């Protein structure tokens, strides 16, 4: 049974979401303030976190930020009562995987949550052969191996932990090796986010990926910056 943590200071929203999620077979735990939610997220393993932004004791932005700093890669959907682009952008920059603006439909929350978990759920392979399993749609770039069907990344023969959005971003770029990709292209492809102003969502996630795959983040050999345009994923020169 998949476990979901809901953090919101409105009891009516907790009750509504918990009812709908439990009806779908999820095990739900709730918290009315940010500090409690943060503590629960660190102490337990969840498959998904639904997180309000406006919370007492510790706001949702801080909870999201601290969880990502603690290498907690559980998918996070942020809720905001403000129909404000800035709130959405900051939440995504801090590592959230999706957002919903209040008021919302519980059915849409469920649909989006299932879509995110479906993308990161490893698909069963058809063969029992170890060789087939290891090579199932594997993408190799230098010392990086990406297994799309298993939601798995190996760097220098070691598995690394990535958030759903980091995985999608890495996979998207690896499939377009040596192509220059603009920030706008990456933003629309990975976040489906149409915003004409300057955002740092892509830059922040690129920075996090570099910390996980590059030996020297100041001199990256995989994700190269194309100044004034975007990024390019390359095979390191030997």
Protein backbone atom coordinates (compact mmCIF):
# COMPACT_ATOMS: atom_id res chain seq x y z
CA UNK A 1 0.00 0.00 0.00
CA UNK A 2 1.41 3.36 -1.03
CA UNK A 3 1.82 5.97 1.71
CA UNK A 4 1.04 9.66 1.28
CA UNK A 5 1.81 12.54 3.63
CA UNK A 6 -0.48 15.58 3.48
CA UNK A 7 0.65 18.78 5.19
CA UNK A 8 -1.93 21.59 5.39
CA UNK A 9 -3.14 23.86 8.17
CA UNK A 10 -6.77 23.62 7.05
CA UNK A 11 -8.43 20.59 8.63
CA UNK A 12 -11.16 20.61 5.98
CA UNK A 13 -8.56 20.14 3.22
CA UNK A 14 -6.81 17.36 5.13
CA UNK A 15 -10.13 15.59 5.62
CA UNK A 16 -11.15 16.01 1.97
CA UNK A 17 -7.86 14.80 0.52
CA UNK A 18 -7.45 11.98 3.04
CA UNK A 19 -10.97 10.71 2.30
CA UNK A 20 -10.39 10.66 -1.46
CA UNK A 21 -6.93 9.12 -1.23
CA UNK A 22 -7.98 6.41 1.24
CA UNK A 23 -10.92 5.58 -1.03
CA UNK A 24 -8.32 4.92 -3.77
CA UNK A 25 -6.38 2.58 -1.49
CA UNK A 26 -3.63 4.89 -0.21
CA UNK A 27 -2.43 4.98 3.39
CA UNK A 28 -2.57 8.61 4.51
CA UNK A 29 -0.81 10.50 7.28
CA UNK A 30 -1.49 14.18 7.94
CA UNK A 31 0.11 17.17 9.65
CA UNK A 32 -1.30 20.62 10.44
CA UNK A 33 1.98 22.52 10.52
CA UNK A 34 5.25 22.59 8.62
CA UNK A 35 7.56 21.47 11.40
CA UNK A 36 5.48 18.37 12.14
CA UNK A 37 5.26 17.59 8.44
CA UNK A 38 9.00 17.97 8.02
CA UNK A 39 9.70 15.71 11.01
CA UNK A 40 7.31 13.05 9.71
CA UNK A 41 8.89 13.17 6.24
CA UNK A 42 12.34 12.59 7.73
CA UNK A 43 11.25 9.84 10.11
CA UNK A 44 9.11 7.85 7.67
CA UNK A 45 9.16 6.66 4.07
CA UNK A 46 6.38 8.02 1.86
CA UNK A 47 5.57 7.52 -1.79
CA UNK A 48 4.23 11.06 -2.18
CA UNK A 49 3.97 14.34 -0.24
CA UNK A 50 1.24 16.95 -0.70
CA UNK A 51 2.47 20.18 0.84
CA UNK A 52 0.71 23.49 1.43
CA UNK A 53 2.88 26.61 1.16
CA UNK A 54 1.26 28.76 3.85
CA UNK A 55 1.93 26.81 7.05
CA UNK A 56 2.57 27.69 10.71
CA UNK A 57 5.93 26.96 12.39
CA UNK A 58 7.70 26.29 9.07
CA UNK A 59 6.31 27.31 5.69
CA UNK A 60 6.03 24.91 2.79
CA UNK A 61 8.91 26.51 0.90
CA UNK A 62 11.25 25.84 3.81
CA UNK A 63 9.96 22.29 4.26
CA UNK A 64 10.54 21.52 0.57
CA UNK A 65 13.98 23.12 0.61
CA UNK A 66 15.11 21.26 3.74
CA UNK A 67 13.84 17.92 2.50
CA UNK A 68 15.78 18.25 -0.74
CA UNK A 69 18.87 19.31 1.21
CA UNK A 70 18.48 16.13 3.25
CA UNK A 71 18.48 14.17 -0.05
CA UNK A 72 14.83 13.24 0.43
CA UNK A 73 13.68 12.62 -3.14
CA UNK A 74 10.03 11.79 -2.43
CA UNK A 75 7.80 13.42 -5.08
CA UNK A 76 6.27 16.65 -3.76
CA UNK A 77 3.17 18.49 -4.94
CA UNK A 78 2.79 21.97 -3.51
CA UNK A 79 -0.55 23.62 -2.81
CA UNK A 80 -0.96 27.37 -2.84
CA UNK A 81 -3.94 29.59 -2.11
CA UNK A 82 -2.35 32.32 -4.19
CA UNK A 83 -2.78 32.32 -7.96
CA UNK A 84 0.70 33.78 -8.12
CA UNK A 85 3.31 32.78 -10.70
CA UNK A 86 6.13 33.60 -8.28
CA UNK A 87 4.96 31.10 -5.66
CA UNK A 88 4.75 28.35 -8.26
CA UNK A 89 8.17 29.19 -9.69
CA UNK A 90 9.89 29.29 -6.30
CA UNK A 91 8.30 26.00 -5.31
CA UNK A 92 9.51 24.33 -8.50
CA UNK A 93 12.96 25.85 -8.10
CA UNK A 94 13.20 24.33 -4.63
CA UNK A 95 12.56 20.86 -6.02
CA UNK A 96 8.78 20.39 -6.01
CA UNK A 97 7.50 18.16 -8.81
CA UNK A 98 4.12 19.80 -9.38
CA UNK A 99 1.77 22.41 -7.97
CA UNK A 100 -1.94 22.99 -7.56
CA UNK A 101 -3.71 26.28 -6.91
CA UNK A 102 -6.57 26.35 -4.40
CA UNK A 103 -9.43 25.77 -4.81
CA UNK A 104 -8.74 22.46 -6.52
CA UNK A 105 -10.51 19.25 -7.44
CA UNK A 106 -9.44 16.19 -5.41
CA UNK A 107 -9.82 14.17 -8.61
CA UNK A 108 -7.23 16.36 -10.35
CA UNK A 109 -4.86 16.07 -7.40
CA UNK A 110 -5.21 12.29 -7.60
CA UNK A 111 -4.72 12.26 -11.36
CA UNK A 112 -1.56 14.35 -11.21
CA UNK A 113 -0.20 12.39 -8.28
CA UNK A 114 -0.75 9.09 -10.10
CA UNK A 115 0.89 10.48 -13.25
CA UNK A 116 4.03 11.45 -11.35
CA UNK A 117 4.26 8.13 -9.52
CA UNK A 118 3.60 6.24 -12.75
CA UNK A 119 6.55 7.96 -14.43
CA UNK A 120 8.94 6.94 -11.66
CA UNK A 121 7.53 3.46 -11.10
CA UNK A 122 9.92 0.86 -12.52
CA UNK A 123 8.26 -1.15 -15.30
CA UNK A 124 8.63 -4.94 -15.20
CA UNK A 125 11.01 -6.29 -17.79
CA UNK A 126 9.87 -9.12 -20.04
CA UNK A 127 12.92 -11.32 -19.71
CA UNK A 128 14.40 -13.01 -16.66
CA UNK A 129 17.86 -12.80 -18.21
CA UNK A 130 20.24 -10.69 -16.14
CA UNK A 131 21.85 -9.44 -19.34
CA UNK A 132 18.47 -8.39 -20.77
CA UNK A 133 17.54 -6.66 -17.53
CA UNK A 134 20.82 -4.75 -17.47
CA UNK A 135 20.50 -3.69 -21.10
CA UNK A 136 16.78 -2.88 -21.10
CA UNK A 137 16.71 0.48 -22.91
CA UNK A 138 19.90 1.46 -21.10
CA UNK A 139 21.40 4.79 -22.11
CA UNK A 140 25.16 5.09 -21.58
CA UNK A 141 27.04 8.37 -21.72
CA UNK A 142 30.61 8.13 -20.50
CA UNK A 143 30.42 6.74 -16.96
CA UNK A 144 26.69 7.46 -16.64
CA UNK A 145 24.12 4.69 -17.18
CA UNK A 146 20.43 5.57 -17.24
CA UNK A 147 17.76 2.87 -17.04
CA UNK A 148 14.48 4.56 -18.08
CA UNK A 149 12.26 1.56 -17.32
CA UNK A 150 13.75 1.12 -13.87
CA UNK A 151 14.00 4.80 -12.86
CA UNK A 152 17.65 4.17 -12.07
CA UNK A 153 20.86 6.11 -12.61
CA UNK A 154 24.36 4.74 -12.14
CA UNK A 155 27.40 7.02 -12.08
CA UNK A 156 30.84 5.43 -12.05
CA UNK A 157 29.15 2.09 -11.19
CA UNK A 158 27.40 3.57 -8.17
CA UNK A 159 23.63 4.22 -7.94
CA UNK A 160 22.66 7.84 -7.29
CA UNK A 161 19.46 9.24 -5.81
CA UNK A 162 17.58 11.73 -7.99
CA UNK A 163 14.21 13.44 -7.71
CA UNK A 164 11.57 12.68 -10.37
CA UNK A 165 12.24 15.99 -12.12
CA UNK A 166 16.01 15.51 -12.00
CA UNK A 167 15.55 12.08 -13.57
CA UNK A 168 13.28 13.44 -16.31
CA UNK A 169 15.71 16.26 -17.04
CA UNK A 170 18.74 13.95 -17.20
CA UNK A 171 16.91 11.46 -19.41
CA UNK A 172 15.61 14.17 -21.76
CA UNK A 173 19.11 15.62 -22.24
CA UNK A 174 20.78 12.21 -22.58
CA UNK A 175 18.38 11.33 -25.40
CA UNK A 176 19.47 14.51 -27.19
CA UNK A 177 23.22 14.10 -26.86
CA UNK A 178 25.33 16.96 -28.23
CA UNK A 179 22.27 19.09 -29.00
CA UNK A 180 22.04 22.61 -27.63
CA UNK A 181 18.84 22.88 -25.58
CA UNK A 182 17.45 26.24 -24.54
CA UNK A 183 16.18 26.89 -21.02
CA UNK A 184 12.72 27.54 -22.46
CA UNK A 185 12.78 24.21 -24.30
CA UNK A 186 13.76 22.33 -21.14
CA UNK A 187 11.24 24.23 -19.02
CA UNK A 188 8.37 23.40 -21.36
CA UNK A 189 9.44 19.79 -21.92
CA UNK A 190 10.05 18.80 -18.29
CA UNK A 191 7.74 21.08 -16.34
CA UNK A 192 5.14 21.81 -19.01
CA UNK A 193 5.45 25.33 -17.66
CA UNK A 194 4.76 28.23 -20.01
CA UNK A 195 6.32 31.32 -18.48
CA UNK A 196 7.85 34.11 -20.52
CA UNK A 197 9.82 35.76 -17.73
CA UNK A 198 13.20 34.84 -16.34
CA UNK A 199 13.12 31.75 -14.11
CA UNK A 200 15.85 29.73 -12.45
CA UNK A 201 13.96 26.45 -12.36
CA UNK A 202 16.12 24.84 -15.04
CA UNK A 203 19.38 26.32 -13.70
CA UNK A 204 18.70 25.08 -10.17
CA UNK A 205 17.95 21.53 -11.31
CA UNK A 206 20.99 21.50 -13.60
CA UNK A 207 23.09 22.56 -10.62
CA UNK A 208 21.67 19.70 -8.52
CA UNK A 209 22.33 17.20 -11.29
CA UNK A 210 25.91 18.38 -11.67
CA UNK A 211 26.48 17.82 -7.96
CA UNK A 212 25.44 14.20 -8.45
CA UNK A 213 27.10 13.28 -11.75
CA UNK A 214 30.13 15.54 -12.17
CA UNK A 215 33.48 15.02 -10.45
CA UNK A 216 34.19 18.77 -10.57
CA UNK A 217 31.03 20.90 -10.67
CA UNK A 218 33.07 23.99 -11.57
CA UNK A 219 34.42 22.21 -14.63
CA UNK A 220 31.56 19.94 -15.79
CA UNK A 221 32.26 17.46 -18.56
CA UNK A 222 28.72 16.14 -19.10
CA UNK A 223 26.32 19.07 -18.78
CA UNK A 224 27.96 22.02 -20.50
CA UNK A 225 26.64 25.56 -20.35
CA UNK A 226 26.03 27.32 -23.66
CA UNK A 227 26.22 30.93 -22.59
CA UNK A 228 23.23 33.05 -23.40
CA UNK A 229 21.21 30.09 -24.58
CA UNK A 230 21.05 26.97 -22.44
CA UNK A 231 22.81 23.63 -22.02
CA UNK A 232 24.29 20.72 -23.94
CA UNK A 233 24.76 17.15 -22.76
CA UNK A 234 28.07 15.77 -24.05
CA UNK A 235 30.19 12.65 -24.05
CA UNK A 236 33.34 13.57 -22.06
CA UNK A 237 36.48 13.94 -24.12
CA UNK A 238 39.06 11.33 -23.27
